[in-house]
Amino acid sequence: MMQAVLMPGAWAQQCFADAHQAYAHLINEQQNQQLAEQSVTVHLNSATEGELTQLTGIGSNKVQQIILYRDAFGPFGSVDDLAKVKGIGDKTVAKNRARMSIE
């Protein structure tokens, strides 16, 4: 009995007869993931490292600065207070304003 070994490209060809359809499917999945991440509200006073990294322009170094700021000065009084954190400016706050709260 002969078995067929499917390579990733062959698998994709079986799933999608048209390469354009396969590409469109992958792009759609990525866009859906990005939209899901963008719709999550990040609560600045209780957010974990992972939750904070979902914000646009906030990487691991800035997350550490946010956590240090919270530990040193207590909870944020407003979303705008995030701009007081070293390395985070008004533009970053503006980009993320709709996705942040201080609850």
PDB file of N, CA and C in Angstrom:
ATOM      1  N   MET A   1       0.841  -1.161   0.000  1.00  0.00           N
ATOM      2  CA  MET A   1       0.000   0.000   0.000  1.00  0.00           C
ATOM      3  C   MET A   1       0.896   1.238   0.000  1.00  0.00           C
ATOM      4  N   MET A   2       0.578   2.171  -0.836  1.00  0.00           N
ATOM      5  CA  MET A   2       1.381   3.369  -0.973  1.00  0.00           C
ATOM      6  C   MET A   2       0.702   4.512  -0.223  1.00  0.00           C
ATOM      7  N   GLN A   3       1.489   5.258   0.557  1.00  0.00           N
ATOM      8  CA  GLN A   3       0.953   6.403   1.287  1.00  0.00           C
ATOM      9  C   GLN A   3       1.488   7.683   0.666  1.00  0.00           C
ATOM     10  N   ALA A   4       0.638   8.655   0.605  1.00  0.00           N
ATOM     11  CA  ALA A   4       1.053   9.956   0.076  1.00  0.00           C
ATOM     12  C   ALA A   4       1.537  10.820   1.233  1.00  0.00           C
ATOM     13  N   VAL A   5       2.645  11.454   1.030  1.00  0.00           N
ATOM     14  CA  VAL A   5       3.171  12.381   2.021  1.00  0.00           C
ATOM     15  C   VAL A   5       2.877  13.786   1.517  1.00  0.00           C
ATOM     16  N   LEU A   6       2.122  14.521   2.314  1.00  0.00           N
ATOM     17  CA  LEU A   6       1.741  15.866   1.910  1.00  0.00           C
ATOM     18  C   LEU A   6       2.680  16.890   2.527  1.00  0.00           C
ATOM     19  N   MET A   7       3.231  17.699   1.707  1.00  0.00           N
ATOM     20  CA  MET A   7       4.060  18.804   2.159  1.00  0.00           C
ATOM     21  C   MET A   7       3.132  19.985   2.433  1.00  0.00           C
ATOM     22  N   PRO A   8       3.581  20.947   3.236  1.00  0.00           N
ATOM     23  CA  PRO A   8       2.709  22.084   3.540  1.00  0.00           C
ATOM     24  C   PRO A   8       2.114  22.743   2.300  1.00  0.00           C
ATOM     25  N   GLY A   9       2.894  22.911   1.251  1.00  0.00           N
ATOM     26  CA  GLY A   9       2.374  23.511   0.025  1.00  0.00           C
ATOM     27  C   GLY A   9       1.305  22.644  -0.611  1.00  0.00           C
ATOM     28  N   ALA A  10       1.517  21.337  -0.578  1.00  0.00           N
ATOM     29  CA  ALA A  10       0.537  20.412  -1.141  1.00  0.00           C
ATOM     30  C   ALA A  10      -0.749  20.441  -0.323  1.00  0.00           C
ATOM     31  N   TRP A  11      -0.596  20.552   0.989  1.00  0.00           N
ATOM     32  CA  TRP A  11      -1.767  20.629   1.858  1.00  0.00           C
ATOM     33  C   TRP A  11      -2.572  21.880   1.531  1.00  0.00           C
ATOM     34  N   ALA A  12      -1.869  22.991   1.355  1.00  0.00           N
ATOM     35  CA  ALA A  12      -2.553  24.239   1.020  1.00  0.00           C
ATOM     36  C   ALA A  12      -3.262  24.120  -0.320  1.00  0.00           C
ATOM     37  N   GLN A  13      -2.626  23.435  -1.269  1.00  0.00           N
ATOM     38  CA  GLN A  13      -3.251  23.265  -2.580  1.00  0.00           C
ATOM     39  C   GLN A  13      -4.506  22.422  -2.472  1.00  0.00           C
ATOM     40  N   GLN A  14      -4.488  21.425  -1.582  1.00  0.00           N
ATOM     41  CA  GLN A  14      -5.684  20.612  -1.417  1.00  0.00           C
ATOM     42  C   GLN A  14      -6.800  21.415  -0.763  1.00  0.00           C
ATOM     43  N   CYS A  15      -6.457  22.262   0.201  1.00  0.00           N
ATOM     44  CA  CYS A  15      -7.472  23.050   0.899  1.00  0.00           C
ATOM     45  C   CYS A  15      -8.037  24.153   0.014  1.00  0.00           C
ATOM     46  N   PHE A  16      -7.178  24.741  -0.777  1.00  0.00           N
ATOM     47  CA  PHE A  16      -7.585  25.845  -1.634  1.00  0.00           C
ATOM     48  C   PHE A  16      -7.037  25.586  -3.034  1.00  0.00           C
ATOM     49  N   ALA A  17      -7.927  25.351  -3.954  1.00  0.00           N
ATOM     50  CA  ALA A  17      -7.497  25.062  -5.317  1.00  0.00           C
ATOM     51  C   ALA A  17      -6.815  26.270  -5.946  1.00  0.00           C
ATOM     52  N   ASP A  18      -7.162  27.440  -5.490  1.00  0.00           N
ATOM     53  CA  ASP A  18      -6.606  28.671  -6.041  1.00  0.00           C
ATOM     54  C   ASP A  18      -5.684  29.321  -5.008  1.00  0.00           C
ATOM     55  N   ALA A  19      -4.462  29.612  -5.399  1.00  0.00           N
ATOM     56  CA  ALA A  19      -3.499  30.227  -4.477  1.00  0.00           C
ATOM     57  C   ALA A  19      -3.986  31.585  -3.983  1.00  0.00           C
ATOM     58  N   HIS A  20      -4.697  32.318  -4.815  1.00  0.00           N
ATOM     59  CA  HIS A  20      -5.229  33.621  -4.406  1.00  0.00           C
ATOM     60  C   HIS A  20      -6.257  33.453  -3.289  1.00  0.00           C
ATOM     61  N   GLN A  21      -7.041  32.390  -3.375  1.00  0.00           N
ATOM     62  CA  GLN A  21      -8.032  32.118  -2.343  1.00  0.00           C
ATOM     63  C   GLN A  21      -7.333  31.769  -1.029  1.00  0.00           C
ATOM     64  N   ALA A  22      -6.258  30.998  -1.092  1.00  0.00           N
ATOM     65  CA  ALA A  22      -5.498  30.636   0.104  1.00  0.00           C
ATOM     66  C   ALA A  22      -4.901  31.885   0.748  1.00  0.00           C
ATOM     67  N   TYR A  23      -4.327  32.752  -0.063  1.00  0.00           N
ATOM     68  CA  TYR A  23      -3.733  33.990   0.440  1.00  0.00           C
ATOM     69  C   TYR A  23      -4.806  34.871   1.086  1.00  0.00           C
ATOM     70  N   ALA A  24      -5.939  35.009   0.430  1.00  0.00           N
ATOM     71  CA  ALA A  24      -7.028  35.827   0.962  1.00  0.00           C
ATOM     72  C   ALA A  24      -7.506  35.276   2.303  1.00  0.00           C
ATOM     73  N   HIS A  25      -7.555  33.956   2.422  1.00  0.00           N
ATOM     74  CA  HIS A  25      -7.966  33.320   3.673  1.00  0.00           C
ATOM     75  C   HIS A  25      -6.984  33.659   4.797  1.00  0.00           C
ATOM     76  N   LEU A  26      -5.691  33.571   4.524  1.00  0.00           N
ATOM     77  CA  LEU A  26      -4.676  33.879   5.536  1.00  0.00           C
ATOM     78  C   LEU A  26      -4.741  35.343   5.958  1.00  0.00           C
ATOM     79  N   ILE A  27      -4.894  36.232   5.003  1.00  0.00           N
ATOM     80  CA  ILE A  27      -5.003  37.659   5.309  1.00  0.00           C
ATOM     81  C   ILE A  27      -6.241  37.920   6.153  1.00  0.00           C
ATOM     82  N   ASN A  28      -7.348  37.293   5.817  1.00  0.00           N
ATOM     83  CA  ASN A  28      -8.584  37.470   6.564  1.00  0.00           C
ATOM     84  C   ASN A  28      -8.416  37.006   8.010  1.00  0.00           C
ATOM     85  N   GLU A  29      -7.738  35.871   8.215  1.00  0.00           N
ATOM     86  CA  GLU A  29      -7.497  35.375   9.572  1.00  0.00           C
ATOM     87  C   GLU A  29      -6.658  36.370  10.369  1.00  0.00           C
ATOM     88  N   GLN A  30      -5.629  36.922   9.746  1.00  0.00           N
ATOM     89  CA  GLN A  30      -4.769  37.891  10.425  1.00  0.00           C
ATOM     90  C   GLN A  30      -5.548  39.155  10.775  1.00  0.00           C
ATOM     91  N   GLN A  31      -6.382  39.620   9.872  1.00  0.00           N
ATOM     92  CA  GLN A  31      -7.168  40.824  10.129  1.00  0.00           C
ATOM     93  C   GLN A  31      -8.166  40.587  11.253  1.00  0.00           C
ATOM     94  N   ASN A  32      -8.787  39.416  11.278  1.00  0.00           N
ATOM     95  CA  ASN A  32      -9.724  39.095  12.352  1.00  0.00           C
ATOM     96  C   ASN A  32      -9.018  39.070  13.703  1.00  0.00           C
ATOM     97  N   GLN A  33      -7.806  38.520  13.747  1.00  0.00           N
ATOM     98  CA  GLN A  33      -7.021  38.483  14.980  1.00  0.00           C
ATOM     99  C   GLN A  33      -6.694  39.903  15.443  1.00  0.00           C
ATOM    100  N   GLN A  34      -6.291  40.757  14.510  1.00  0.00           N
ATOM    101  CA  GLN A  34      -5.958  42.141  14.854  1.00  0.00           C
ATOM    102  C   GLN A  34      -7.184  42.887  15.367  1.00  0.00           C
ATOM    103  N   LEU A  35      -8.330  42.677  14.746  1.00  0.00           N
ATOM    104  CA  LEU A  35      -9.553  43.338  15.196  1.00  0.00           C
ATOM    105  C   LEU A  35      -9.946  42.870  16.588  1.00  0.00           C
ATOM    106  N   ALA A  36      -9.783  41.585  16.861  1.00  0.00           N
ATOM    107  CA  ALA A  36     -10.100  41.055  18.185  1.00  0.00           C
ATOM    108  C   ALA A  36      -9.202  41.682  19.243  1.00  0.00           C
ATOM    109  N   GLU A  37      -7.920  41.809  18.934  1.00  0.00           N
ATOM    110  CA  GLU A  37      -6.989  42.418  19.879  1.00  0.00           C
ATOM    111  C   GLU A  37      -7.309  43.890  20.085  1.00  0.00           C
ATOM    112  N   GLN A  38      -7.720  44.575  19.032  1.00  0.00           N
ATOM    113  CA  GLN A  38      -8.011  45.995  19.130  1.00  0.00           C
ATOM    114  C   GLN A  38      -9.293  46.270  19.899  1.00  0.00           C
ATOM    115  N   SER A  39     -10.197  45.317  19.962  1.00  0.00           N
ATOM    116  CA  SER A  39     -11.469  45.542  20.626  1.00  0.00           C
ATOM    117  C   SER A  39     -11.393  45.312  22.130  1.00  0.00           C
ATOM    118  N   VAL A  40     -10.292  44.778  22.627  1.00  0.00           N
ATOM    119  CA  VAL A  40     -10.132  44.504  24.049  1.00  0.00           C
ATOM    120  C   VAL A  40      -9.799  45.801  24.781  1.00  0.00           C
ATOM    121  N   THR A  41     -10.533  46.078  25.861  1.00  0.00           N
ATOM    122  CA  THR A  41     -10.232  47.239  26.686  1.00  0.00           C
ATOM    123  C   THR A  41      -9.150  46.864  27.688  1.00  0.00           C
ATOM    124  N   VAL A  42      -8.113  47.684  27.761  1.00  0.00           N
ATOM    125  CA  VAL A  42      -7.012  47.453  28.687  1.00  0.00           C
ATOM    126  C   VAL A  42      -7.213  48.377  29.885  1.00  0.00           C
ATOM    127  N   HIS A  43      -7.351  47.782  31.061  1.00  0.00           N
ATOM    128  CA  HIS A  43      -7.543  48.526  32.301  1.00  0.00           C
ATOM    129  C   HIS A  43      -6.161  48.834  32.874  1.00  0.00           C
ATOM    130  N   LEU A  44      -5.729  50.076  32.725  1.00  0.00           N
ATOM    131  CA  LEU A  44      -4.351  50.460  33.041  1.00  0.00           C
ATOM    132  C   LEU A  44      -3.932  50.150  34.472  1.00  0.00           C
ATOM    133  N   ASN A  45      -4.851  50.213  35.418  1.00  0.00           N
ATOM    134  CA  ASN A  45      -4.483  50.014  36.814  1.00  0.00           C
ATOM    135  C   ASN A  45      -4.403  48.553  37.233  1.00  0.00           C
ATOM    136  N   SER A  46      -4.890  47.652  36.397  1.00  0.00           N
ATOM    137  CA  SER A  46      -4.853  46.235  36.770  1.00  0.00           C
ATOM    138  C   SER A  46      -4.330  45.329  35.661  1.00  0.00           C
ATOM    139  N   ALA A  47      -3.996  45.883  34.524  1.00  0.00           N
ATOM    140  CA  ALA A  47      -3.581  45.076  33.367  1.00  0.00           C
ATOM    141  C   ALA A  47      -2.277  44.332  33.637  1.00  0.00           C
ATOM    142  N   THR A  48      -2.221  43.119  33.122  1.00  0.00           N
ATOM    143  CA  THR A  48      -1.008  42.313  33.199  1.00  0.00           C
ATOM    144  C   THR A  48      -0.043  42.752  32.104  1.00  0.00           C
ATOM    145  N   GLU A  49       1.166  42.211  32.151  1.00  0.00           N
ATOM    146  CA  GLU A  49       2.149  42.520  31.106  1.00  0.00           C
ATOM    147  C   GLU A  49       1.598  42.171  29.730  1.00  0.00           C
ATOM    148  N   GLY A  50       0.987  40.995  29.610  1.00  0.00           N
ATOM    149  CA  GLY A  50       0.441  40.555  28.329  1.00  0.00           C
ATOM    150  C   GLY A  50      -0.659  41.463  27.820  1.00  0.00           C
ATOM    151  N   GLU A  51      -1.499  41.925  28.718  1.00  0.00           N
ATOM    152  CA  GLU A  51      -2.584  42.827  28.315  1.00  0.00           C
ATOM    153  C   GLU A  51      -2.038  44.179  27.870  1.00  0.00           C
ATOM    154  N   LEU A  52      -1.041  44.685  28.576  1.00  0.00           N
ATOM    155  CA  LEU A  52      -0.459  45.983  28.216  1.00  0.00           C
ATOM    156  C   LEU A  52       0.226  45.948  26.859  1.00  0.00           C
ATOM    157  N   THR A  53       0.821  44.809  26.498  1.00  0.00           N
ATOM    158  CA  THR A  53       1.511  44.724  25.203  1.00  0.00           C
ATOM    159  C   THR A  53       0.539  44.724  24.032  1.00  0.00           C
ATOM    160  N   GLN A  54      -0.749  44.574  24.289  1.00  0.00           N
ATOM    161  CA  GLN A  54      -1.737  44.639  23.211  1.00  0.00           C
ATOM    162  C   GLN A  54      -1.955  46.070  22.730  1.00  0.00           C
ATOM    163  N   LEU A  55      -1.490  47.031  23.497  1.00  0.00           N
ATOM    164  CA  LEU A  55      -1.638  48.431  23.104  1.00  0.00           C
ATOM    165  C   LEU A  55      -0.644  48.775  22.003  1.00  0.00           C
ATOM    166  N   THR A  56      -1.068  49.596  21.072  1.00  0.00           N
ATOM    167  CA  THR A  56      -0.231  50.013  19.955  1.00  0.00           C
ATOM    168  C   THR A  56       0.946  50.839  20.461  1.00  0.00           C
ATOM    169  N   GLY A  57       2.150  50.437  20.064  1.00  0.00           N
ATOM    170  CA  GLY A  57       3.349  51.179  20.434  1.00  0.00           C
ATOM    171  C   GLY A  57       3.891  50.857  21.812  1.00  0.00           C
ATOM    172  N   ILE A  58       3.331  49.846  22.468  1.00  0.00           N
ATOM    173  CA  ILE A  58       3.771  49.464  23.811  1.00  0.00           C
ATOM    174  C   ILE A  58       4.429  48.090  23.740  1.00  0.00           C
ATOM    175  N   GLY A  59       5.741  48.076  23.882  1.00  0.00           N
ATOM    176  CA  GLY A  59       6.498  46.831  23.896  1.00  0.00           C
ATOM    177  C   GLY A  59       6.880  46.462  25.317  1.00  0.00           C
ATOM    178  N   SER A  60       7.718  45.452  25.454  1.00  0.00           N
ATOM    179  CA  SER A  60       8.064  44.937  26.783  1.00  0.00           C
ATOM    180  C   SER A  60       8.781  45.973  27.649  1.00  0.00           C
ATOM    181  N   ASN A  61       9.640  46.811  27.059  1.00  0.00           N
ATOM    182  CA  ASN A  61      10.332  47.832  27.854  1.00  0.00           C
ATOM    183  C   ASN A  61       9.355  48.861  28.414  1.00  0.00           C
ATOM    184  N   LYS A  62       8.410  49.291  27.594  1.00  0.00           N
ATOM    185  CA  LYS A  62       7.435  50.277  28.058  1.00  0.00           C
ATOM    186  C   LYS A  62       6.474  49.661  29.070  1.00  0.00           C
ATOM    187  N   VAL A  63       6.165  48.383  28.899  1.00  0.00           N
ATOM    188  CA  VAL A  63       5.325  47.690  29.877  1.00  0.00           C
ATOM    189  C   VAL A  63       6.000  47.727  31.243  1.00  0.00           C
ATOM    190  N   GLN A  64       7.299  47.451  31.267  1.00  0.00           N
ATOM    191  CA  GLN A  64       8.032  47.489  32.536  1.00  0.00           C
ATOM    192  C   GLN A  64       7.974  48.887  33.152  1.00  0.00           C
ATOM    193  N   GLN A  65       8.080  49.921  32.322  1.00  0.00           N
ATOM    194  CA  GLN A  65       8.004  51.294  32.820  1.00  0.00           C
ATOM    195  C   GLN A  65       6.614  51.599  33.394  1.00  0.00           C
ATOM    196  N   ILE A  66       5.569  51.091  32.748  1.00  0.00           N
ATOM    197  CA  ILE A  66       4.199  51.295  33.241  1.00  0.00           C
ATOM    198  C   ILE A  66       4.035  50.640  34.607  1.00  0.00           C
ATOM    199  N   ILE A  67       4.505  49.417  34.731  1.00  0.00           N
ATOM    200  CA  ILE A  67       4.374  48.690  35.997  1.00  0.00           C
ATOM    201  C   ILE A  67       5.188  49.373  37.095  1.00  0.00           C
ATOM    202  N   LEU A  68       6.397  49.820  36.774  1.00  0.00           N
ATOM    203  CA  LEU A  68       7.211  50.553  37.755  1.00  0.00           C
ATOM    204  C   LEU A  68       6.508  51.835  38.194  1.00  0.00           C
ATOM    205  N   TYR A  69       5.897  52.527  37.245  1.00  0.00           N
ATOM    206  CA  TYR A  69       5.168  53.759  37.558  1.00  0.00           C
ATOM    207  C   TYR A  69       3.997  53.454  38.493  1.00  0.00           C
ATOM    208  N   ARG A  70       3.234  52.416  38.185  1.00  0.00           N
ATOM    209  CA  ARG A  70       2.095  52.046  39.046  1.00  0.00           C
ATOM    210  C   ARG A  70       2.568  51.713  40.449  1.00  0.00           C
ATOM    211  N   ASP A  71       3.672  50.958  40.546  1.00  0.00           N
ATOM    212  CA  ASP A  71       4.200  50.570  41.859  1.00  0.00           C
ATOM    213  C   ASP A  71       4.682  51.786  42.646  1.00  0.00           C
ATOM    214  N   ALA A  72       5.300  52.740  41.963  1.00  0.00           N
ATOM    215  CA  ALA A  72       5.875  53.905  42.634  1.00  0.00           C
ATOM    216  C   ALA A  72       4.834  54.965  42.988  1.00  0.00           C
ATOM    217  N   PHE A  73       3.875  55.206  42.094  1.00  0.00           N
ATOM    218  CA  PHE A  73       2.947  56.326  42.265  1.00  0.00           C
ATOM    219  C   PHE A  73       1.496  55.916  42.486  1.00  0.00           C
ATOM    220  N   GLY A  74       1.210  54.639  42.459  1.00  0.00           N
ATOM    221  CA  GLY A  74      -0.158  54.185  42.651  1.00  0.00           C
ATOM    222  C   GLY A  74      -0.931  54.179  41.347  1.00  0.00           C
ATOM    223  N   PRO A  75      -2.234  53.982  41.445  1.00  0.00           N
ATOM    224  CA  PRO A  75      -3.051  53.854  40.232  1.00  0.00           C
ATOM    225  C   PRO A  75      -3.105  55.151  39.421  1.00  0.00           C
ATOM    226  N   PHE A  76      -3.325  54.979  38.141  1.00  0.00           N
ATOM    227  CA  PHE A  76      -3.491  56.121  37.244  1.00  0.00           C
ATOM    228  C   PHE A  76      -4.816  56.804  37.571  1.00  0.00           C
ATOM    229  N   GLY A  77      -4.815  58.130  37.579  1.00  0.00           N
ATOM    230  CA  GLY A  77      -6.043  58.882  37.826  1.00  0.00           C
ATOM    231  C   GLY A  77      -6.863  59.085  36.567  1.00  0.00           C
ATOM    232  N   SER A  78      -6.181  59.047  35.432  1.00  0.00           N
ATOM    233  CA  SER A  78      -6.853  59.183  34.139  1.00  0.00           C
ATOM    234  C   SER A  78      -6.003  58.488  33.081  1.00  0.00           C
ATOM    235  N   VAL A  79      -6.602  58.243  31.951  1.00  0.00           N
ATOM    236  CA  VAL A  79      -5.874  57.637  30.836  1.00  0.00           C
ATOM    237  C   VAL A  79      -4.720  58.542  30.417  1.00  0.00           C
ATOM    238  N   ASP A  80      -4.924  59.847  30.490  1.00  0.00           N
ATOM    239  CA  ASP A  80      -3.880  60.803  30.106  1.00  0.00           C
ATOM    240  C   ASP A  80      -2.630  60.693  30.976  1.00  0.00           C
ATOM    241  N   ASP A  81      -2.780  60.197  32.200  1.00  0.00           N
ATOM    242  CA  ASP A  81      -1.624  60.030  33.089  1.00  0.00           C
ATOM    243  C   ASP A  81      -0.603  59.046  32.533  1.00  0.00           C
ATOM    244  N   LEU A  82      -1.005  58.216  31.599  1.00  0.00           N
ATOM    245  CA  LEU A  82      -0.070  57.263  30.999  1.00  0.00           C
ATOM    246  C   LEU A  82       1.098  57.998  30.341  1.00  0.00           C
ATOM    247  N   ALA A  83       0.862  59.213  29.871  1.00  0.00           N
ATOM    248  CA  ALA A  83       1.924  59.999  29.227  1.00  0.00           C
ATOM    249  C   ALA A  83       3.011  60.420  30.218  1.00  0.00           C
ATOM    250  N   LYS A  84       2.764  60.269  31.513  1.00  0.00           N
ATOM    251  CA  LYS A  84       3.771  60.584  32.530  1.00  0.00           C
ATOM    252  C   LYS A  84       4.824  59.485  32.647  1.00  0.00           C
ATOM    253  N   VAL A  85       4.535  58.327  32.074  1.00  0.00           N
ATOM    254  CA  VAL A  85       5.459  57.192  32.127  1.00  0.00           C
ATOM    255  C   VAL A  85       6.599  57.429  31.150  1.00  0.00           C
ATOM    256  N   LYS A  86       7.813  57.163  31.606  1.00  0.00           N
ATOM    257  CA  LYS A  86       9.004  57.355  30.774  1.00  0.00           C
ATOM    258  C   LYS A  86       8.872  56.569  29.469  1.00  0.00           C
ATOM    259  N   GLY A  87       9.061  57.258  28.350  1.00  0.00           N
ATOM    260  CA  GLY A  87       9.032  56.616  27.043  1.00  0.00           C
ATOM    261  C   GLY A  87       7.673  56.582  26.374  1.00  0.00           C
ATOM    262  N   ILE A  88       6.643  57.081  27.063  1.00  0.00           N
ATOM    263  CA  ILE A  88       5.296  57.085  26.489  1.00  0.00           C
ATOM    264  C   ILE A  88       4.845  58.534  26.358  1.00  0.00           C
ATOM    265  N   GLY A  89       4.462  58.908  25.156  1.00  0.00           N
ATOM    266  CA  GLY A  89       4.057  60.284  24.913  1.00  0.00           C
ATOM    267  C   GLY A  89       2.580  60.419  24.617  1.00  0.00           C
ATOM    268  N   ASP A  90       2.191  61.650  24.356  1.00  0.00           N
ATOM    269  CA  ASP A  90       0.792  61.957  24.066  1.00  0.00           C
ATOM    270  C   ASP A  90       0.284  61.233  22.821  1.00  0.00           C
ATOM    271  N   LYS A  91       1.148  61.043  21.827  1.00  0.00           N
ATOM    272  CA  LYS A  91       0.720  60.365  20.595  1.00  0.00           C
ATOM    273  C   LYS A  91       0.355  58.909  20.870  1.00  0.00           C
ATOM    274  N   THR A  92       1.135  58.244  21.707  1.00  0.00           N
ATOM    275  CA  THR A  92       0.835  56.846  22.053  1.00  0.00           C
ATOM    276  C   THR A  92      -0.476  56.770  22.819  1.00  0.00           C
ATOM    277  N   VAL A  93      -0.687  57.708  23.730  1.00  0.00           N
ATOM    278  CA  VAL A  93      -1.945  57.750  24.477  1.00  0.00           C
ATOM    279  C   VAL A  93      -3.109  57.971  23.512  1.00  0.00           C
ATOM    280  N   ALA A  94      -2.958  58.894  22.578  1.00  0.00           N
ATOM    281  CA  ALA A  94      -4.024  59.192  21.618  1.00  0.00           C
ATOM    282  C   ALA A  94      -4.366  57.981  20.753  1.00  0.00           C
ATOM    283  N   LYS A  95      -3.347  57.245  20.309  1.00  0.00           N
ATOM    284  CA  LYS A  95      -3.578  56.062  19.469  1.00  0.00           C
ATOM    285  C   LYS A  95      -4.385  54.997  20.199  1.00  0.00           C
ATOM    286  N   ASN A  96      -4.231  54.928  21.517  1.00  0.00           N
ATOM    287  CA  ASN A  96      -4.841  53.855  22.298  1.00  0.00           C
ATOM    288  C   ASN A  96      -6.014  54.305  23.161  1.00  0.00           C
ATOM    289  N   ARG A  97      -6.341  55.581  23.127  1.00  0.00           N
ATOM    290  CA  ARG A  97      -7.342  56.135  24.047  1.00  0.00           C
ATOM    291  C   ARG A  97      -8.647  55.333  24.081  1.00  0.00           C
ATOM    292  N   ALA A  98      -9.156  54.958  22.938  1.00  0.00           N
ATOM    293  CA  ALA A  98     -10.444  54.249  22.875  1.00  0.00           C
ATOM    294  C   ALA A  98     -10.366  52.848  23.473  1.00  0.00           C
ATOM    295  N   ARG A  99      -9.158  52.319  23.635  1.00  0.00           N
ATOM    296  CA  ARG A  99      -8.993  50.947  24.126  1.00  0.00           C
ATOM    297  C   ARG A  99      -8.534  50.876  25.572  1.00  0.00           C
ATOM    298  N   MET A 100      -8.427  52.027  26.255  1.00  0.00           N
ATOM    299  CA  MET A 100      -7.914  52.040  27.621  1.00  0.00           C
ATOM    300  C   MET A 100      -8.954  52.582  28.594  1.00  0.00           C
ATOM    301  N   SER A 101      -8.859  52.107  29.829  1.00  0.00           N
ATOM    302  CA  SER A 101      -9.672  52.649  30.915  1.00  0.00           C
ATOM    303  C   SER A 101      -8.838  52.583  32.192  1.00  0.00           C
ATOM    304  N   ILE A 102      -9.323  53.225  33.247  1.00  0.00           N
ATOM    305  CA  ILE A 102      -8.609  53.186  34.523  1.00  0.00           C
ATOM    306  C   ILE A 102      -9.412  52.457  35.589  1.00  0.00           C
ATOM    307  N   GLU A 103     -10.429  51.726  35.202  1.00  0.00           N
ATOM    308  CA  GLU A 103     -11.276  50.993  36.157  1.00  0.00           C
ATOM    309  C   GLU A 103     -10.476  50.065  37.021  1.00  0.00           C
TER     310      GLU A 103
END
